[in-house]
Amino acid sequence: MNKALLTLIAFMTYMVMSGLMTQIGVLISPLAEYLNVSVTKVASIFSLLTGGTLAGTFIAMWLYGRFTTQRILQVNYLAFILSLILLVFLDSQSLLVVSIFLFVLGIGCGIGLAGGAVLITHLYNEKKRASAFLATDCSFSLAGYIFPSLAIILLSANHLWTLSYAVVGVLAFLIFIGCFILRFPRDTQRNQRDLEPYEPSTKVNIWTPRVILVAFALCCYLTSQTTFLTWAPSYLQEILSLDSTQAASAVGNYWGPSIFGLLTVTLLVMKVPTRPLLLCVLAIAVALSFLLYSTSDPDWFLTVTLGLGFLTSCIFKLGISIGTQQIKNAPPFLVTFLLCSATLGSTIAPALSALVVSTFGVSSAMLMTLIGFSLVAVLICACLVLEHKKG
């Protein structure tokens, strides 16, 4: 029972991060009205939330090598909950204050997410660990469906945007309580060493053209995905004339089916080689993003979004898998590099897309999504061509 509850806590660390991140597209317009600034300005400050997550990941690399997982999670989620409480009750309409809170919450997400990964590593052996990490992806997608949907309901009832973030605090509170009443696995010296920077006895050069291509592809993928989810509701409202409630459902339409897409791909990779599977998925992603950019029917747009979530959410995991295969006996630093490259994409996406939208209009966000997916396909193809030539 203790192990099952600790596993649930690990999953909830992913859900907390997803709960904040996936609401961005839903909250842009209400927050812009609340702060009395443009939607592009609001979109750019959400890069502080994603940037805070990246910063939290780097801070975690230092923390988890020096303190116990239990103590780190206790302190982290106490600070996270207090920050949320202040955000809700201060009711500040200062852009600077909101930006600071978003950055702090992002750091808490990054540290907590790392704690969830550490917990899974300690709780499960290598054979079961892959399944556990797949479940974390499903947890992320589940929260990506639940919290934007709740945000739509709360905003429709004329509640402030902060309340939709406060709901995420319920999960953080459950994690916080669990950190005191559950028995955590002991952080042994071996586990502590595993969290410290990797220092191989024989240096392996990971800076090859193929690795760089995959890293750039992963960065472009999360830039495209985040751009789409950030601007799809605004695009539906401004260009396709949907009301705010219907437009905001695009976010849930993506994340809901993505859960089943991830499970389906998990079964497919047992039968289908990773490389052709990824190429097929990328071709579908380009085709669907073209449909999203070209359609003038809002119902068709929302339907295609369902397909985009189900069919393309696996690109990230398949890309990581292929990237780690580019170096024989790849060091752990290779995985870290690929993950950081991808996270950089989601970090810069809100600010970059806001700059593009402020210059060319909200339709450019959909074009940016199409170009992004197309670029991912080109980069992965280039990597596979180089791989084939070497083979």
Protein backbone atom coordinates (compact mmCIF):
# COMPACT_ATOMS: atom_id res chain seq x y z
CA MET A 1 0.00 0.00 0.00
CA ASN A 2 2.85 2.38 0.87
CA LYS A 3 4.51 1.72 -2.49
CA ALA A 4 1.27 2.30 -4.38
CA LEU A 5 0.69 5.63 -2.61
CA LEU A 6 4.27 6.75 -3.25
CA THR A 7 3.77 5.88 -6.92
CA LEU A 8 0.61 7.99 -6.89
CA ILE A 9 2.59 10.89 -5.42
CA ALA A 10 5.13 10.51 -8.25
CA PHE A 11 2.32 10.66 -10.80
CA MET A 12 0.81 13.72 -9.10
CA THR A 13 4.10 15.63 -9.40
CA TYR A 14 3.68 15.30 -13.17
CA MET A 15 0.02 16.29 -12.94
CA VAL A 16 0.82 19.46 -10.98
CA MET A 17 3.21 20.60 -13.70
CA SER A 18 0.74 19.71 -16.43
CA GLY A 19 -2.06 21.44 -14.53
CA LEU A 20 -0.24 24.76 -14.75
CA MET A 21 1.30 24.40 -18.20
CA THR A 22 -1.71 23.17 -20.14
CA GLN A 23 -3.97 26.00 -18.96
CA ILE A 24 -1.87 28.63 -20.74
CA GLY A 25 -3.99 28.70 -23.90
CA VAL A 26 -7.22 28.91 -21.89
CA LEU A 27 -6.00 31.67 -19.58
CA ILE A 28 -4.33 34.03 -22.06
CA SER A 29 -7.41 36.11 -22.89
CA PRO A 30 -8.88 36.29 -19.34
CA LEU A 31 -5.47 37.20 -17.91
CA ALA A 32 -4.96 39.87 -20.58
CA GLU A 33 -8.28 41.47 -19.60
CA TYR A 34 -7.43 41.14 -15.90
CA LEU A 35 -4.03 42.82 -16.30
CA ASN A 36 -5.29 45.22 -18.98
CA VAL A 37 -2.50 44.30 -21.40
CA SER A 38 -2.37 42.66 -24.84
CA VAL A 39 -2.69 38.88 -25.25
CA THR A 40 0.77 38.76 -26.81
CA LYS A 41 2.22 40.39 -23.70
CA VAL A 42 0.51 37.81 -21.51
CA ALA A 43 1.69 34.96 -23.73
CA SER A 44 5.28 36.15 -23.40
CA ILE A 45 5.19 36.18 -19.59
CA PHE A 46 4.15 32.52 -19.58
CA SER A 47 7.69 31.84 -20.79
CA LEU A 48 8.63 32.66 -17.18
CA LEU A 49 6.49 29.72 -16.05
CA THR A 50 8.13 27.35 -18.52
CA GLY A 51 11.52 28.94 -17.89
CA GLY A 52 11.04 28.45 -14.16
CA THR A 53 10.44 24.77 -14.79
CA LEU A 54 13.71 24.52 -16.69
CA ALA A 55 15.50 26.36 -13.87
CA GLY A 56 13.87 24.03 -11.34
CA THR A 57 15.21 21.03 -13.25
CA PHE A 58 18.77 22.34 -12.98
CA ILE A 59 18.31 23.21 -9.30
CA ALA A 60 17.03 19.67 -8.72
CA MET A 61 20.26 18.21 -10.14
CA TRP A 62 22.05 19.87 -7.23
CA LEU A 63 19.42 19.29 -4.52
CA TYR A 64 18.75 15.58 -5.02
CA GLY A 65 22.42 14.75 -4.71
CA ARG A 66 22.62 16.36 -1.26
CA PHE A 67 19.28 16.00 0.56
CA THR A 68 16.68 13.26 0.92
CA THR A 69 13.84 13.10 -1.58
CA GLN A 70 11.28 13.30 1.21
CA ARG A 71 12.69 16.50 2.72
CA ILE A 72 13.07 18.19 -0.67
CA LEU A 73 9.45 17.45 -1.62
CA GLN A 74 8.21 18.64 1.78
CA VAL A 75 9.95 22.00 1.48
CA ASN A 76 9.25 22.38 -2.23
CA TYR A 77 5.50 21.83 -2.04
CA LEU A 78 5.16 23.94 1.10
CA ALA A 79 6.73 26.83 -0.83
CA PHE A 80 4.58 25.99 -3.87
CA ILE A 81 1.34 26.03 -1.85
CA LEU A 82 2.25 29.27 -0.09
CA SER A 83 3.03 30.88 -3.46
CA LEU A 84 -0.36 29.81 -4.83
CA ILE A 85 -2.13 31.14 -1.75
CA LEU A 86 -0.38 34.49 -2.12
CA LEU A 87 -1.18 34.61 -5.84
CA VAL A 88 -4.88 34.02 -5.14
CA PHE A 89 -5.34 36.32 -2.14
CA LEU A 90 -3.06 39.17 -3.14
CA ASP A 91 -5.20 39.54 -6.27
CA SER A 92 -2.44 41.63 -7.84
CA GLN A 93 -2.98 43.27 -11.22
CA SER A 94 0.71 44.04 -11.58
CA LEU A 95 2.36 42.37 -14.55
CA LEU A 96 5.65 42.21 -12.66
CA VAL A 97 4.13 40.53 -9.59
CA VAL A 98 2.27 37.95 -11.68
CA SER A 99 5.46 37.25 -13.65
CA ILE A 100 7.42 36.62 -10.44
CA PHE A 101 4.76 34.24 -9.15
CA LEU A 102 4.72 32.31 -12.45
CA PHE A 103 8.50 31.92 -12.34
CA VAL A 104 8.45 30.71 -8.72
CA LEU A 105 5.65 28.24 -9.46
CA GLY A 106 7.62 27.00 -12.46
CA ILE A 107 10.65 26.32 -10.27
CA GLY A 108 8.45 24.34 -7.87
CA CYS A 109 7.11 22.29 -10.78
CA GLY A 110 10.62 21.50 -12.03
CA ILE A 111 11.91 20.41 -8.62
CA GLY A 112 8.77 18.39 -7.93
CA LEU A 113 8.87 16.67 -11.32
CA ALA A 114 12.46 15.60 -10.70
CA GLY A 115 11.36 14.24 -7.33
CA GLY A 116 8.67 12.16 -9.00
CA ALA A 117 11.25 10.69 -11.39
CA VAL A 118 13.60 9.93 -8.49
CA LEU A 119 10.80 8.19 -6.60
CA ILE A 120 9.98 5.94 -9.56
CA THR A 121 13.67 5.12 -9.97
CA HIS A 122 13.88 4.07 -6.32
CA LEU A 123 10.59 2.16 -6.25
CA TYR A 124 10.88 0.03 -9.39
CA ASN A 125 13.51 -2.14 -11.00
CA GLU A 126 14.59 -1.58 -14.60
CA LYS A 127 12.02 -3.98 -16.07
CA LYS A 128 9.06 -2.19 -14.49
CA ARG A 129 10.50 1.31 -14.65
CA ALA A 130 9.67 1.85 -18.34
CA SER A 131 5.99 1.09 -17.70
CA ALA A 132 5.99 3.42 -14.71
CA PHE A 133 7.43 6.27 -16.76
CA LEU A 134 4.83 5.64 -19.47
CA ALA A 135 2.21 6.06 -16.75
CA THR A 136 3.73 9.45 -15.90
CA ASP A 137 3.15 10.54 -19.50
CA CYS A 138 -0.46 9.40 -19.22
CA SER A 139 -0.79 11.31 -15.93
CA PHE A 140 0.53 14.44 -17.63
CA SER A 141 -1.98 14.06 -20.47
CA LEU A 142 -4.83 13.29 -18.06
CA ALA A 143 -4.14 16.50 -16.13
CA GLY A 144 -3.86 18.30 -19.47
CA TYR A 145 -7.46 17.30 -20.12
CA ILE A 146 -8.87 17.81 -16.61
CA PHE A 147 -7.47 21.21 -15.59
CA PRO A 148 -8.11 23.18 -18.80
CA SER A 149 -11.67 21.77 -18.74
CA LEU A 150 -12.08 22.92 -15.12
CA ALA A 151 -10.64 26.31 -16.07
CA ILE A 152 -13.30 26.69 -18.77
CA ILE A 153 -16.05 25.94 -16.22
CA LEU A 154 -14.63 28.34 -13.63
CA LEU A 155 -14.12 31.15 -16.15
CA SER A 156 -17.63 30.63 -17.51
CA ALA A 157 -18.90 31.10 -13.96
CA ASN A 158 -17.04 34.46 -13.89
CA HIS A 159 -14.39 33.36 -11.40
CA LEU A 160 -10.94 34.95 -11.52
CA TRP A 161 -8.21 33.19 -13.51
CA THR A 162 -6.26 32.57 -10.27
CA LEU A 163 -8.89 30.12 -9.04
CA SER A 164 -8.15 27.74 -11.91
CA TYR A 165 -4.52 27.64 -10.73
CA ALA A 166 -5.64 27.31 -7.11
CA VAL A 167 -7.38 24.04 -8.02
CA VAL A 168 -3.98 22.61 -8.97
CA GLY A 169 -2.93 23.43 -5.41
CA VAL A 170 -5.21 20.64 -4.18
CA LEU A 171 -2.88 18.10 -5.79
CA ALA A 172 0.15 19.90 -4.35
CA PHE A 173 -1.45 19.76 -0.89
CA LEU A 174 -2.06 16.00 -1.21
CA ILE A 175 1.60 15.51 -2.18
CA PHE A 176 2.67 17.65 0.79
CA ILE A 177 0.58 15.61 3.26
CA GLY A 178 1.79 12.34 1.73
CA CYS A 179 5.40 13.40 2.26
CA PHE A 180 4.79 13.33 6.03
CA ILE A 181 2.66 10.21 6.46
CA LEU A 182 4.27 7.82 3.95
CA ARG A 183 7.51 5.89 4.32
CA PHE A 184 9.92 6.93 1.60
CA PRO A 185 12.62 4.61 0.23
CA ARG A 186 15.98 5.31 1.78
CA ASP A 187 18.29 7.40 -0.37
CA THR A 188 21.31 5.14 -0.31
CA GLN A 189 24.80 6.27 -1.16
CA ARG A 190 24.52 4.48 -4.48
CA ASN A 191 21.33 6.37 -5.34
CA GLN A 192 22.90 9.61 -4.25
CA ARG A 193 25.84 9.00 -6.56
CA ASP A 194 23.47 8.20 -9.41
CA LEU A 195 22.07 11.71 -9.14
CA GLU A 196 25.42 13.43 -9.30
CA PRO A 197 26.91 14.59 -12.61
CA TYR A 198 27.97 11.65 -14.74
CA GLU A 199 31.71 11.22 -15.04
CA PRO A 200 32.49 8.31 -17.36
CA SER A 201 35.78 6.53 -17.08
CA THR A 202 36.08 6.62 -20.86
CA LYS A 203 34.94 9.84 -22.44
CA VAL A 204 32.27 9.42 -25.11
CA ASN A 205 31.81 12.21 -27.63
CA ILE A 206 28.09 12.85 -28.01
CA TRP A 207 28.50 15.98 -30.14
CA THR A 208 27.85 14.33 -33.47
CA PRO A 209 25.74 15.78 -36.31
CA ARG A 210 23.06 13.12 -35.79
CA VAL A 211 22.65 13.91 -32.07
CA ILE A 212 22.51 17.64 -32.80
CA LEU A 213 19.84 17.04 -35.45
CA VAL A 214 17.67 15.02 -33.05
CA ALA A 215 18.14 17.58 -30.26
CA PHE A 216 17.10 20.40 -32.59
CA ALA A 217 14.12 18.30 -33.77
CA LEU A 218 12.93 17.75 -30.18
CA CYS A 219 13.28 21.47 -29.49
CA CYS A 220 11.23 22.29 -32.59
CA TYR A 221 8.60 19.70 -31.67
CA LEU A 222 7.87 21.13 -28.23
CA THR A 223 8.01 24.66 -29.64
CA SER A 224 5.36 23.67 -32.20
CA GLN A 225 3.20 21.78 -29.71
CA THR A 226 3.31 24.58 -27.12
CA THR A 227 2.63 27.23 -29.77
CA PHE A 228 -0.44 25.38 -31.00
CA LEU A 229 -1.86 24.80 -27.51
CA THR A 230 -1.14 28.39 -26.50
CA TRP A 231 -2.83 30.05 -29.46
CA ALA A 232 -5.50 27.59 -30.68
CA PRO A 233 -8.24 29.04 -28.41
CA SER A 234 -7.43 32.63 -29.48
CA TYR A 235 -7.31 31.56 -33.14
CA LEU A 236 -10.72 29.91 -32.86
CA GLN A 237 -12.18 33.03 -31.28
CA GLU A 238 -10.65 35.67 -33.55
CA ILE A 239 -10.52 33.89 -36.90
CA LEU A 240 -13.20 31.19 -36.75
CA SER A 241 -15.66 33.17 -34.56
CA LEU A 242 -16.23 30.65 -31.77
CA ASP A 243 -17.20 31.80 -28.29
CA SER A 244 -14.57 31.58 -25.56
CA THR A 245 -15.92 28.38 -23.99
CA GLN A 246 -15.99 26.42 -27.25
CA ALA A 247 -12.61 27.79 -28.30
CA ALA A 248 -10.95 26.79 -25.03
CA SER A 249 -12.08 23.18 -25.52
CA ALA A 250 -9.33 22.79 -28.17
CA VAL A 251 -6.80 22.24 -25.37
CA GLY A 252 -8.80 19.39 -23.84
CA ASN A 253 -9.42 17.98 -27.31
CA TYR A 254 -5.67 17.58 -27.68
CA TRP A 255 -4.73 16.18 -24.28
CA GLY A 256 -7.66 13.80 -23.80
CA PRO A 257 -6.96 11.55 -26.83
CA SER A 258 -3.20 11.80 -26.27
CA ILE A 259 -3.54 9.41 -23.30
CA PHE A 260 -4.89 6.68 -25.59
CA GLY A 261 -2.37 7.59 -28.28
CA LEU A 262 0.53 6.98 -25.89
CA LEU A 263 -0.91 3.63 -24.81
CA THR A 264 -1.45 2.60 -28.43
CA VAL A 265 2.13 3.46 -29.42
CA THR A 266 3.45 1.50 -26.44
CA LEU A 267 1.83 -1.60 -27.94
CA LEU A 268 2.90 -0.72 -31.51
CA VAL A 269 6.61 -0.39 -30.70
CA MET A 270 6.61 -4.06 -29.72
CA LYS A 271 5.68 -4.95 -33.31
CA VAL A 272 6.81 -2.01 -35.47
CA PRO A 273 10.39 -0.65 -35.70
CA THR A 274 10.79 2.79 -34.10
CA ARG A 275 12.20 4.59 -37.14
CA PRO A 276 9.44 3.93 -39.69
CA LEU A 277 6.86 4.46 -36.95
CA LEU A 278 8.25 7.91 -36.16
CA LEU A 279 8.43 8.86 -39.86
CA CYS A 280 4.80 7.80 -40.30
CA VAL A 281 3.69 9.81 -37.26
CA LEU A 282 5.61 12.88 -38.47
CA ALA A 283 3.95 12.68 -41.89
CA ILE A 284 0.57 12.58 -40.14
CA ALA A 285 1.56 15.53 -37.94
CA VAL A 286 2.47 17.65 -40.96
CA ALA A 287 -0.76 16.72 -42.75
CA LEU A 288 -2.94 17.47 -39.71
CA SER A 289 -1.20 20.77 -38.97
CA PHE A 290 -1.78 21.79 -42.61
CA LEU A 291 -5.47 21.01 -42.19
CA LEU A 292 -5.57 23.10 -39.01
CA TYR A 293 -3.94 26.02 -40.80
CA SER A 294 -6.11 25.84 -43.92
CA THR A 295 -9.59 25.00 -42.60
CA SER A 296 -12.23 27.66 -42.08
CA ASP A 297 -14.64 25.31 -40.30
CA PRO A 298 -14.33 25.51 -36.48
CA ASP A 299 -15.98 22.12 -35.96
CA TRP A 300 -13.49 20.52 -38.35
CA PHE A 301 -10.66 22.31 -36.56
CA LEU A 302 -11.72 20.82 -33.21
CA THR A 303 -12.10 17.38 -34.79
CA VAL A 304 -8.63 17.51 -36.32
CA THR A 305 -7.27 18.54 -32.92
CA LEU A 306 -8.57 15.26 -31.51
CA GLY A 307 -6.56 13.42 -34.17
CA LEU A 308 -3.48 15.54 -33.54
CA GLY A 309 -3.53 14.62 -29.86
CA PHE A 310 -4.11 10.92 -30.45
CA LEU A 311 -1.68 10.44 -33.34
CA THR A 312 1.24 12.76 -32.60
CA SER A 313 1.75 12.96 -28.82
CA CYS A 314 4.22 10.05 -29.09
CA ILE A 315 6.73 12.05 -31.20
CA PHE A 316 8.66 13.15 -28.12
CA LYS A 317 9.21 9.66 -26.70
CA LEU A 318 10.04 8.15 -30.10
CA GLY A 319 12.49 10.99 -30.77
CA ILE A 320 14.24 10.44 -27.43
CA SER A 321 14.47 6.73 -28.20
CA ILE A 322 16.09 7.30 -31.60
CA GLY A 323 18.35 10.03 -30.24
CA THR A 324 19.82 7.76 -27.56
CA GLN A 325 20.57 5.14 -30.22
CA GLN A 326 22.86 7.48 -32.16
CA ILE A 327 25.78 6.87 -29.78
CA LYS A 328 26.99 3.39 -28.91
CA ASN A 329 27.07 2.89 -25.13
CA ALA A 330 25.54 6.33 -24.77
CA PRO A 331 26.26 8.07 -21.44
CA PRO A 332 23.40 9.37 -19.27
CA PHE A 333 24.46 12.90 -20.21
CA LEU A 334 23.12 12.24 -23.72
CA VAL A 335 19.59 11.74 -22.36
CA THR A 336 19.97 14.85 -20.20
CA PHE A 337 21.09 16.87 -23.23
CA LEU A 338 18.14 15.68 -25.33
CA LEU A 339 15.65 16.41 -22.53
CA CYS A 340 17.09 19.89 -21.94
CA SER A 341 16.96 20.61 -25.69
CA ALA A 342 13.29 19.66 -25.73
CA THR A 343 12.52 21.67 -22.59
CA LEU A 344 14.18 24.69 -24.19
CA GLY A 345 11.57 24.45 -26.93
CA SER A 346 8.63 24.64 -24.52
CA THR A 347 10.41 27.43 -22.61
CA ILE A 348 10.89 29.78 -25.55
CA ALA A 349 7.60 28.93 -27.30
CA PRO A 350 5.28 31.36 -25.46
CA ALA A 351 7.60 34.35 -25.92
CA LEU A 352 8.63 33.45 -29.48
CA SER A 353 5.07 32.79 -30.63
CA ALA A 354 3.88 36.01 -28.94
CA LEU A 355 6.47 37.95 -30.94
CA VAL A 356 5.34 36.30 -34.19
CA VAL A 357 1.64 36.82 -33.42
CA SER A 358 2.13 40.48 -32.47
CA THR A 359 3.85 41.02 -35.84
CA PHE A 360 1.77 38.89 -38.22
CA GLY A 361 -1.50 38.17 -36.40
CA VAL A 362 -2.92 35.13 -34.63
CA SER A 363 -3.15 33.08 -37.86
CA SER A 364 0.65 33.02 -37.93
CA ALA A 365 0.62 30.77 -34.84
CA MET A 366 -1.02 28.01 -36.90
CA LEU A 367 1.47 28.57 -39.72
CA MET A 368 4.27 28.43 -37.14
CA THR A 369 2.89 25.08 -35.97
CA LEU A 370 2.88 23.73 -39.54
CA ILE A 371 6.42 24.96 -40.22
CA GLY A 372 7.60 23.54 -36.89
CA PHE A 373 6.25 20.03 -37.53
CA SER A 374 7.63 20.12 -41.07
CA LEU A 375 11.04 21.11 -39.75
CA VAL A 376 10.95 18.25 -37.23
CA ALA A 377 10.25 15.81 -40.07
CA VAL A 378 13.14 17.21 -42.16
CA LEU A 379 15.58 17.03 -39.23
CA ILE A 380 14.66 13.46 -38.31
CA CYS A 381 14.91 12.40 -41.97
CA ALA A 382 18.36 14.02 -42.19
CA CYS A 383 19.47 12.15 -39.07
CA LEU A 384 18.25 8.82 -40.47
CA VAL A 385 19.97 9.48 -43.81
CA LEU A 386 23.28 10.12 -42.03
CA GLU A 387 22.68 7.02 -39.92
CA HIS A 388 22.06 4.93 -43.04
CA LYS A 389 25.22 6.24 -44.74
CA LYS A 390 27.31 5.36 -41.72
CA GLY A 391 25.71 1.91 -41.50
